[in-house]
Amino acid sequence: MHSIDEDRLEDWVDLFAEDCVYKILSRENFDSGLPLELMSCYGKAMLDDRILSLREANLYNIHWDRHILGGIEVLGIEEDNWLIKANYTLYQTTNKGDSELFSVGSYHDKIVSVDGVLKFKEKIVIVDTFAVIRLLSTPI
């Protein structure tokens, strides 16, 4: 999360395997098995495009993120993927210096070794705070 918090979004993308999945969905939809997502990217190329559009095309609220992680749990191994779950809290600070709680939830990760380097095969972000108070621009 340091790469997001330090606005090194390109480095964040490098943490993913080429055939990765990144999704953000509400806890309600996750618990109900409903497929509607707030954001989804299939493959590292889609993540690259998302970051490129943030850097060059999109206008969004300028802010700094600060993630706080806790409750990290290794759930086991499934088909050479490490299954990891962690809770997060995400604050955003505006360029005027105002900090607000932006999102609370959990990460459900599958991590795989790619040429000896651990990469996210899947990162599913489950947001408890479904009503996003501002534009969802940067990754959670």
N, C-alpha and C. Protein backbone atom coordinates (compact mmCIF):
# COMPACT_ATOMS: atom_id res chain seq x y z
N MET A 1 0.81 -1.18 0.00
CA MET A 1 0.00 0.00 0.00
C MET A 1 0.86 1.26 0.00
N HIS A 2 2.13 1.11 0.37
CA HIS A 2 3.00 2.28 0.37
C HIS A 2 3.10 2.88 -1.04
N SER A 3 3.08 2.03 -2.05
CA SER A 3 3.19 2.57 -3.41
C SER A 3 1.98 3.45 -3.76
N ILE A 4 0.79 3.09 -3.28
CA ILE A 4 -0.38 3.95 -3.52
C ILE A 4 -0.26 5.21 -2.67
N ASP A 5 0.06 5.06 -1.40
CA ASP A 5 0.13 6.20 -0.49
C ASP A 5 1.21 7.20 -0.91
N GLU A 6 2.24 6.72 -1.59
CA GLU A 6 3.34 7.60 -2.03
C GLU A 6 3.19 8.00 -3.50
N ASP A 7 2.01 7.76 -4.08
CA ASP A 7 1.70 8.11 -5.47
C ASP A 7 2.68 7.46 -6.46
N ARG A 8 3.10 6.24 -6.14
CA ARG A 8 3.91 5.44 -7.05
C ARG A 8 3.00 4.36 -7.64
N LEU A 9 1.97 4.79 -8.35
CA LEU A 9 0.93 3.88 -8.84
C LEU A 9 1.48 2.87 -9.85
N GLU A 10 2.47 3.28 -10.62
CA GLU A 10 3.08 2.36 -11.58
C GLU A 10 3.79 1.22 -10.84
N ASP A 11 4.39 1.52 -9.70
CA ASP A 11 5.02 0.47 -8.88
C ASP A 11 3.96 -0.47 -8.31
N TRP A 12 2.80 0.07 -7.96
CA TRP A 12 1.70 -0.76 -7.46
C TRP A 12 1.29 -1.78 -8.52
N VAL A 13 1.18 -1.35 -9.78
CA VAL A 13 0.81 -2.26 -10.86
C VAL A 13 1.83 -3.40 -10.98
N ASP A 14 3.09 -3.10 -10.76
CA ASP A 14 4.14 -4.12 -10.87
C ASP A 14 4.02 -5.22 -9.81
N LEU A 15 3.18 -5.02 -8.81
CA LEU A 15 2.97 -6.05 -7.79
C LEU A 15 2.03 -7.16 -8.27
N PHE A 16 1.46 -7.01 -9.47
CA PHE A 16 0.47 -7.94 -9.99
C PHE A 16 1.05 -8.85 -11.07
N ALA A 17 0.52 -10.07 -11.14
CA ALA A 17 0.85 -11.00 -12.22
C ALA A 17 0.18 -10.51 -13.51
N GLU A 18 0.69 -10.96 -14.65
CA GLU A 18 0.15 -10.53 -15.94
C GLU A 18 -1.34 -10.87 -16.08
N ASP A 19 -1.76 -12.03 -15.61
CA ASP A 19 -3.15 -12.47 -15.77
C ASP A 19 -3.96 -12.27 -14.49
N CYS A 20 -3.74 -11.15 -13.84
CA CYS A 20 -4.36 -10.86 -12.55
C CYS A 20 -5.81 -10.43 -12.67
N VAL A 21 -6.46 -10.38 -11.52
CA VAL A 21 -7.81 -9.84 -11.40
C VAL A 21 -7.80 -8.85 -10.24
N TYR A 22 -8.33 -7.65 -10.46
CA TYR A 22 -8.48 -6.64 -9.41
C TYR A 22 -9.92 -6.16 -9.45
N LYS A 23 -10.63 -6.31 -8.34
CA LYS A 23 -12.03 -5.91 -8.27
C LYS A 23 -12.29 -5.16 -6.98
N ILE A 24 -13.22 -4.22 -7.06
CA ILE A 24 -13.74 -3.54 -5.88
C ILE A 24 -15.25 -3.75 -5.90
N LEU A 25 -15.78 -4.31 -4.82
CA LEU A 25 -17.22 -4.47 -4.73
C LEU A 25 -17.71 -4.28 -3.32
N SER A 26 -19.00 -4.00 -3.20
CA SER A 26 -19.57 -3.74 -1.89
C SER A 26 -19.68 -5.03 -1.09
N ARG A 27 -19.63 -4.89 0.20
CA ARG A 27 -19.78 -6.05 1.08
C ARG A 27 -21.14 -6.71 0.86
N GLU A 28 -22.17 -5.90 0.67
CA GLU A 28 -23.52 -6.43 0.44
C GLU A 28 -23.54 -7.34 -0.79
N ASN A 29 -22.96 -6.87 -1.89
CA ASN A 29 -22.94 -7.68 -3.11
C ASN A 29 -22.07 -8.92 -2.94
N PHE A 30 -20.92 -8.78 -2.28
CA PHE A 30 -20.04 -9.91 -2.03
C PHE A 30 -20.75 -10.98 -1.21
N ASP A 31 -21.38 -10.57 -0.11
CA ASP A 31 -22.07 -11.51 0.77
C ASP A 31 -23.26 -12.18 0.07
N SER A 32 -23.88 -11.47 -0.87
CA SER A 32 -25.05 -12.01 -1.58
C SER A 32 -24.68 -12.77 -2.85
N GLY A 33 -23.38 -12.76 -3.19
CA GLY A 33 -22.95 -13.43 -4.41
C GLY A 33 -23.35 -12.70 -5.68
N LEU A 34 -23.60 -11.40 -5.57
CA LEU A 34 -24.00 -10.60 -6.72
C LEU A 34 -22.76 -10.08 -7.45
N PRO A 35 -22.75 -10.10 -8.77
CA PRO A 35 -21.53 -9.79 -9.52
C PRO A 35 -21.27 -8.30 -9.76
N LEU A 36 -22.17 -7.41 -9.37
CA LEU A 36 -21.98 -5.99 -9.67
C LEU A 36 -20.78 -5.44 -8.90
N GLU A 37 -19.85 -4.84 -9.63
CA GLU A 37 -18.61 -4.32 -9.05
C GLU A 37 -18.51 -2.82 -9.24
N LEU A 38 -17.84 -2.15 -8.33
CA LEU A 38 -17.56 -0.72 -8.48
C LEU A 38 -16.46 -0.49 -9.50
N MET A 39 -15.52 -1.45 -9.56
CA MET A 39 -14.41 -1.39 -10.51
C MET A 39 -13.92 -2.82 -10.72
N SER A 40 -13.49 -3.11 -11.94
CA SER A 40 -12.85 -4.40 -12.19
C SER A 40 -11.83 -4.25 -13.30
N CYS A 41 -10.71 -4.92 -13.12
CA CYS A 41 -9.65 -4.96 -14.12
C CYS A 41 -9.21 -6.41 -14.26
N TYR A 42 -9.17 -6.87 -15.49
CA TYR A 42 -8.76 -8.24 -15.79
C TYR A 42 -7.46 -8.19 -16.57
N GLY A 43 -6.38 -8.53 -15.90
CA GLY A 43 -5.07 -8.49 -16.52
C GLY A 43 -4.31 -7.23 -16.17
N LYS A 44 -3.01 -7.38 -16.13
CA LYS A 44 -2.14 -6.26 -15.77
C LYS A 44 -2.25 -5.10 -16.77
N ALA A 45 -2.53 -5.43 -18.04
CA ALA A 45 -2.66 -4.37 -19.05
C ALA A 45 -3.81 -3.42 -18.71
N MET A 46 -4.91 -3.94 -18.17
CA MET A 46 -6.03 -3.07 -17.77
C MET A 46 -5.63 -2.18 -16.60
N LEU A 47 -4.83 -2.70 -15.67
CA LEU A 47 -4.33 -1.88 -14.56
C LEU A 47 -3.42 -0.78 -15.09
N ASP A 48 -2.54 -1.13 -16.02
CA ASP A 48 -1.66 -0.13 -16.65
C ASP A 48 -2.49 0.97 -17.31
N ASP A 49 -3.53 0.59 -18.04
CA ASP A 49 -4.39 1.58 -18.71
C ASP A 49 -5.08 2.48 -17.70
N ARG A 50 -5.53 1.89 -16.60
CA ARG A 50 -6.21 2.68 -15.54
C ARG A 50 -5.27 3.75 -15.00
N ILE A 51 -4.04 3.36 -14.69
CA ILE A 51 -3.06 4.31 -14.14
C ILE A 51 -2.67 5.35 -15.19
N LEU A 52 -2.49 4.92 -16.43
CA LEU A 52 -2.16 5.86 -17.50
C LEU A 52 -3.26 6.90 -17.66
N SER A 53 -4.53 6.48 -17.61
CA SER A 53 -5.63 7.43 -17.73
C SER A 53 -5.66 8.40 -16.55
N LEU A 54 -5.32 7.91 -15.34
CA LEU A 54 -5.24 8.80 -14.19
C LEU A 54 -4.15 9.86 -14.37
N ARG A 55 -3.04 9.43 -14.93
CA ARG A 55 -1.89 10.33 -15.09
C ARG A 55 -2.11 11.35 -16.21
N GLU A 56 -2.77 10.95 -17.29
CA GLU A 56 -2.77 11.78 -18.49
C GLU A 56 -4.13 12.31 -18.93
N ALA A 57 -5.23 11.65 -18.56
CA ALA A 57 -6.51 12.04 -19.15
C ALA A 57 -7.55 12.49 -18.13
N ASN A 58 -7.66 11.78 -17.04
CA ASN A 58 -8.75 12.05 -16.10
C ASN A 58 -8.46 13.25 -15.20
N LEU A 59 -9.51 13.97 -14.89
CA LEU A 59 -9.45 15.01 -13.88
C LEU A 59 -10.18 14.47 -12.65
N TYR A 60 -9.52 14.52 -11.51
CA TYR A 60 -10.13 14.00 -10.29
C TYR A 60 -9.64 14.81 -9.11
N ASN A 61 -10.28 14.57 -7.98
CA ASN A 61 -9.89 15.31 -6.77
C ASN A 61 -8.45 14.97 -6.40
N ILE A 62 -7.61 15.98 -6.33
CA ILE A 62 -6.23 15.77 -5.94
C ILE A 62 -6.21 15.47 -4.44
N HIS A 63 -5.55 14.38 -4.08
CA HIS A 63 -5.53 13.96 -2.68
C HIS A 63 -4.32 13.06 -2.43
N TRP A 64 -4.11 12.78 -1.15
CA TRP A 64 -3.12 11.80 -0.73
C TRP A 64 -3.85 10.72 0.05
N ASP A 65 -3.49 9.48 -0.23
CA ASP A 65 -4.09 8.34 0.46
C ASP A 65 -3.22 7.93 1.64
N ARG A 66 -3.86 7.35 2.63
CA ARG A 66 -3.13 6.73 3.75
C ARG A 66 -3.90 5.47 4.15
N HIS A 67 -3.29 4.33 3.89
CA HIS A 67 -3.88 3.03 4.24
C HIS A 67 -3.39 2.58 5.61
N ILE A 68 -4.28 2.01 6.38
CA ILE A 68 -3.91 1.35 7.63
C ILE A 68 -4.41 -0.09 7.52
N LEU A 69 -3.48 -1.04 7.64
CA LEU A 69 -3.82 -2.45 7.50
C LEU A 69 -3.79 -3.13 8.87
N GLY A 70 -4.62 -4.15 9.02
CA GLY A 70 -4.64 -4.92 10.26
C GLY A 70 -5.37 -6.22 10.05
N GLY A 71 -5.31 -7.07 11.05
CA GLY A 71 -6.02 -8.34 10.99
C GLY A 71 -5.57 -9.20 9.83
N ILE A 72 -4.28 -9.16 9.51
CA ILE A 72 -3.77 -9.94 8.38
C ILE A 72 -3.80 -11.42 8.75
N GLU A 73 -4.38 -12.22 7.86
CA GLU A 73 -4.57 -13.64 8.13
C GLU A 73 -4.18 -14.45 6.88
N VAL A 74 -3.29 -15.42 7.09
CA VAL A 74 -2.95 -16.36 6.02
C VAL A 74 -3.95 -17.51 6.13
N LEU A 75 -4.78 -17.67 5.09
CA LEU A 75 -5.85 -18.66 5.12
C LEU A 75 -5.40 -20.03 4.63
N GLY A 76 -4.31 -20.07 3.87
CA GLY A 76 -3.81 -21.35 3.37
C GLY A 76 -3.31 -21.23 1.95
N ILE A 77 -3.13 -22.39 1.32
CA ILE A 77 -2.65 -22.46 -0.05
C ILE A 77 -3.67 -23.23 -0.87
N GLU A 78 -3.96 -22.69 -2.07
CA GLU A 78 -4.90 -23.32 -3.00
C GLU A 78 -4.30 -23.25 -4.39
N GLU A 79 -3.98 -24.40 -4.96
CA GLU A 79 -3.41 -24.46 -6.32
C GLU A 79 -2.23 -23.50 -6.49
N ASP A 80 -1.24 -23.58 -5.63
CA ASP A 80 -0.03 -22.74 -5.66
C ASP A 80 -0.29 -21.27 -5.41
N ASN A 81 -1.47 -20.91 -4.93
CA ASN A 81 -1.78 -19.53 -4.57
C ASN A 81 -1.88 -19.42 -3.05
N TRP A 82 -1.17 -18.46 -2.48
CA TRP A 82 -1.35 -18.15 -1.06
C TRP A 82 -2.64 -17.35 -0.93
N LEU A 83 -3.50 -17.74 -0.01
CA LEU A 83 -4.75 -17.02 0.24
C LEU A 83 -4.56 -16.16 1.48
N ILE A 84 -4.70 -14.86 1.32
CA ILE A 84 -4.45 -13.89 2.39
C ILE A 84 -5.67 -12.99 2.51
N LYS A 85 -6.01 -12.66 3.75
CA LYS A 85 -7.10 -11.72 4.00
C LYS A 85 -6.57 -10.66 4.97
N ALA A 86 -6.96 -9.42 4.76
CA ALA A 86 -6.54 -8.33 5.64
C ALA A 86 -7.63 -7.26 5.67
N ASN A 87 -7.74 -6.59 6.79
CA ASN A 87 -8.64 -5.45 6.91
C ASN A 87 -7.88 -4.18 6.57
N TYR A 88 -8.60 -3.19 6.05
CA TYR A 88 -7.97 -1.90 5.76
C TYR A 88 -8.89 -0.76 6.17
N THR A 89 -8.26 0.36 6.42
CA THR A 89 -8.94 1.64 6.56
C THR A 89 -8.19 2.60 5.66
N LEU A 90 -8.91 3.38 4.89
CA LEU A 90 -8.28 4.31 3.96
C LEU A 90 -8.77 5.72 4.23
N TYR A 91 -7.82 6.59 4.55
CA TYR A 91 -8.10 8.01 4.72
C TYR A 91 -7.59 8.74 3.49
N GLN A 92 -8.24 9.83 3.14
CA GLN A 92 -7.75 10.71 2.08
C GLN A 92 -7.61 12.11 2.63
N THR A 93 -6.51 12.75 2.24
CA THR A 93 -6.24 14.13 2.63
C THR A 93 -6.23 14.98 1.38
N THR A 94 -7.02 16.04 1.38
CA THR A 94 -7.11 16.92 0.21
C THR A 94 -5.88 17.82 0.15
N ASN A 95 -5.74 18.50 -0.99
CA ASN A 95 -4.61 19.42 -1.12
C ASN A 95 -4.77 20.65 -0.21
N LYS A 96 -5.94 20.80 0.44
CA LYS A 96 -6.14 21.86 1.42
C LYS A 96 -5.79 21.39 2.83
N GLY A 97 -5.44 20.09 2.97
CA GLY A 97 -5.04 19.58 4.27
C GLY A 97 -6.14 18.96 5.10
N ASP A 98 -7.33 18.78 4.53
CA ASP A 98 -8.43 18.16 5.25
C ASP A 98 -8.39 16.65 5.06
N SER A 99 -8.38 15.90 6.17
CA SER A 99 -8.36 14.44 6.12
C SER A 99 -9.73 13.89 6.48
N GLU A 100 -10.17 12.88 5.71
CA GLU A 100 -11.46 12.24 5.97
C GLU A 100 -11.33 10.74 5.73
N LEU A 101 -12.14 9.99 6.46
CA LEU A 101 -12.25 8.56 6.21
C LEU A 101 -12.88 8.37 4.84
N PHE A 102 -12.22 7.60 3.97
CA PHE A 102 -12.73 7.38 2.62
C PHE A 102 -13.35 5.99 2.46
N SER A 103 -12.70 4.98 3.01
CA SER A 103 -13.21 3.62 2.81
C SER A 103 -12.70 2.70 3.91
N VAL A 104 -13.54 1.74 4.27
CA VAL A 104 -13.19 0.70 5.23
C VAL A 104 -13.61 -0.62 4.62
N GLY A 105 -12.80 -1.65 4.80
CA GLY A 105 -13.18 -2.94 4.26
C GLY A 105 -12.10 -3.98 4.43
N SER A 106 -12.06 -4.92 3.49
CA SER A 106 -11.08 -6.00 3.57
C SER A 106 -10.55 -6.35 2.19
N TYR A 107 -9.34 -6.89 2.18
CA TYR A 107 -8.71 -7.41 0.97
C TYR A 107 -8.77 -8.93 1.02
N HIS A 108 -9.11 -9.52 -0.10
CA HIS A 108 -9.10 -10.98 -0.25
C HIS A 108 -8.14 -11.26 -1.40
N ASP A 109 -6.94 -11.73 -1.06
CA ASP A 109 -5.87 -11.84 -2.04
C ASP A 109 -5.49 -13.28 -2.33
N LYS A 110 -5.09 -13.49 -3.58
CA LYS A 110 -4.40 -14.71 -3.98
C LYS A 110 -3.04 -14.27 -4.48
N ILE A 111 -2.00 -14.83 -3.87
CA ILE A 111 -0.63 -14.44 -4.20
C ILE A 111 0.08 -15.66 -4.76
N VAL A 112 0.80 -15.46 -5.86
CA VAL A 112 1.48 -16.54 -6.55
C VAL A 112 2.94 -16.14 -6.79
N SER A 113 3.80 -17.11 -6.88
CA SER A 113 5.20 -16.86 -7.21
C SER A 113 5.37 -16.86 -8.73
N VAL A 114 5.91 -15.76 -9.25
CA VAL A 114 6.19 -15.64 -10.69
C VAL A 114 7.69 -15.44 -10.83
N ASP A 115 8.36 -16.45 -11.35
CA ASP A 115 9.82 -16.41 -11.49
C ASP A 115 10.50 -16.04 -10.18
N GLY A 116 10.00 -16.60 -9.08
CA GLY A 116 10.59 -16.39 -7.77
C GLY A 116 10.18 -15.11 -7.07
N VAL A 117 9.28 -14.33 -7.69
CA VAL A 117 8.82 -13.07 -7.10
C VAL A 117 7.32 -13.22 -6.79
N LEU A 118 6.92 -12.85 -5.57
CA LEU A 118 5.52 -12.95 -5.19
C LEU A 118 4.72 -11.82 -5.85
N LYS A 119 3.59 -12.20 -6.47
CA LYS A 119 2.73 -11.25 -7.18
C LYS A 119 1.27 -11.52 -6.81
N PHE A 120 0.46 -10.48 -6.91
CA PHE A 120 -0.98 -10.66 -6.72
C PHE A 120 -1.56 -11.31 -7.97
N LYS A 121 -2.15 -12.46 -7.78
CA LYS A 121 -2.90 -13.12 -8.85
C LYS A 121 -4.33 -12.57 -8.85
N GLU A 122 -4.79 -12.27 -7.64
CA GLU A 122 -6.14 -11.73 -7.48
C GLU A 122 -6.17 -10.85 -6.25
N LYS A 123 -6.75 -9.68 -6.40
CA LYS A 123 -6.98 -8.78 -5.27
C LYS A 123 -8.42 -8.32 -5.36
N ILE A 124 -9.22 -8.81 -4.41
CA ILE A 124 -10.63 -8.44 -4.34
C ILE A 124 -10.78 -7.52 -3.13
N VAL A 125 -11.24 -6.31 -3.38
CA VAL A 125 -11.44 -5.32 -2.33
C VAL A 125 -12.92 -5.31 -1.99
N ILE A 126 -13.24 -5.63 -0.74
CA ILE A 126 -14.62 -5.63 -0.28
C ILE A 126 -14.80 -4.38 0.58
N VAL A 127 -15.61 -3.44 0.08
CA VAL A 127 -15.80 -2.17 0.80
C VAL A 127 -17.04 -2.24 1.68
N ASP A 128 -16.84 -1.95 2.97
CA ASP A 128 -17.97 -1.85 3.89
C ASP A 128 -18.71 -0.54 3.67
N THR A 129 -17.95 0.49 3.28
CA THR A 129 -18.50 1.82 3.05
C THR A 129 -18.88 1.93 1.58
N PHE A 130 -20.05 1.40 1.22
CA PHE A 130 -20.47 1.32 -0.17
C PHE A 130 -20.67 2.69 -0.80
N ALA A 131 -21.18 3.64 -0.04
CA ALA A 131 -21.40 4.99 -0.58
C ALA A 131 -20.07 5.74 -0.57
N VAL A 132 -19.41 5.79 -1.72
CA VAL A 132 -18.13 6.47 -1.85
C VAL A 132 -18.40 7.98 -1.83
N ILE A 133 -17.76 8.69 -0.89
CA ILE A 133 -18.07 10.10 -0.69
C ILE A 133 -17.53 11.01 -1.78
N ARG A 134 -16.51 10.55 -2.46
CA ARG A 134 -15.93 11.30 -3.59
C ARG A 134 -15.67 10.32 -4.71
N LEU A 135 -15.23 10.85 -5.81
CA LEU A 135 -14.90 10.04 -6.98
C LEU A 135 -13.89 8.96 -6.63
N LEU A 136 -14.17 7.74 -7.04
CA LEU A 136 -13.24 6.62 -6.87
C LEU A 136 -12.25 6.68 -8.02
N SER A 137 -11.09 7.25 -7.76
CA SER A 137 -10.12 7.46 -8.83
C SER A 137 -8.92 6.55 -8.64
N THR A 138 -8.19 6.72 -7.57
CA THR A 138 -7.02 5.90 -7.32
C THR A 138 -7.43 4.54 -6.74
N PRO A 139 -6.58 3.53 -6.88
CA PRO A 139 -6.92 2.21 -6.34
C PRO A 139 -7.11 2.27 -4.83
N ILE A 140 -7.92 1.36 -4.33
CA ILE A 140 -8.10 1.26 -2.87
C ILE A 140 -7.08 0.28 -2.34
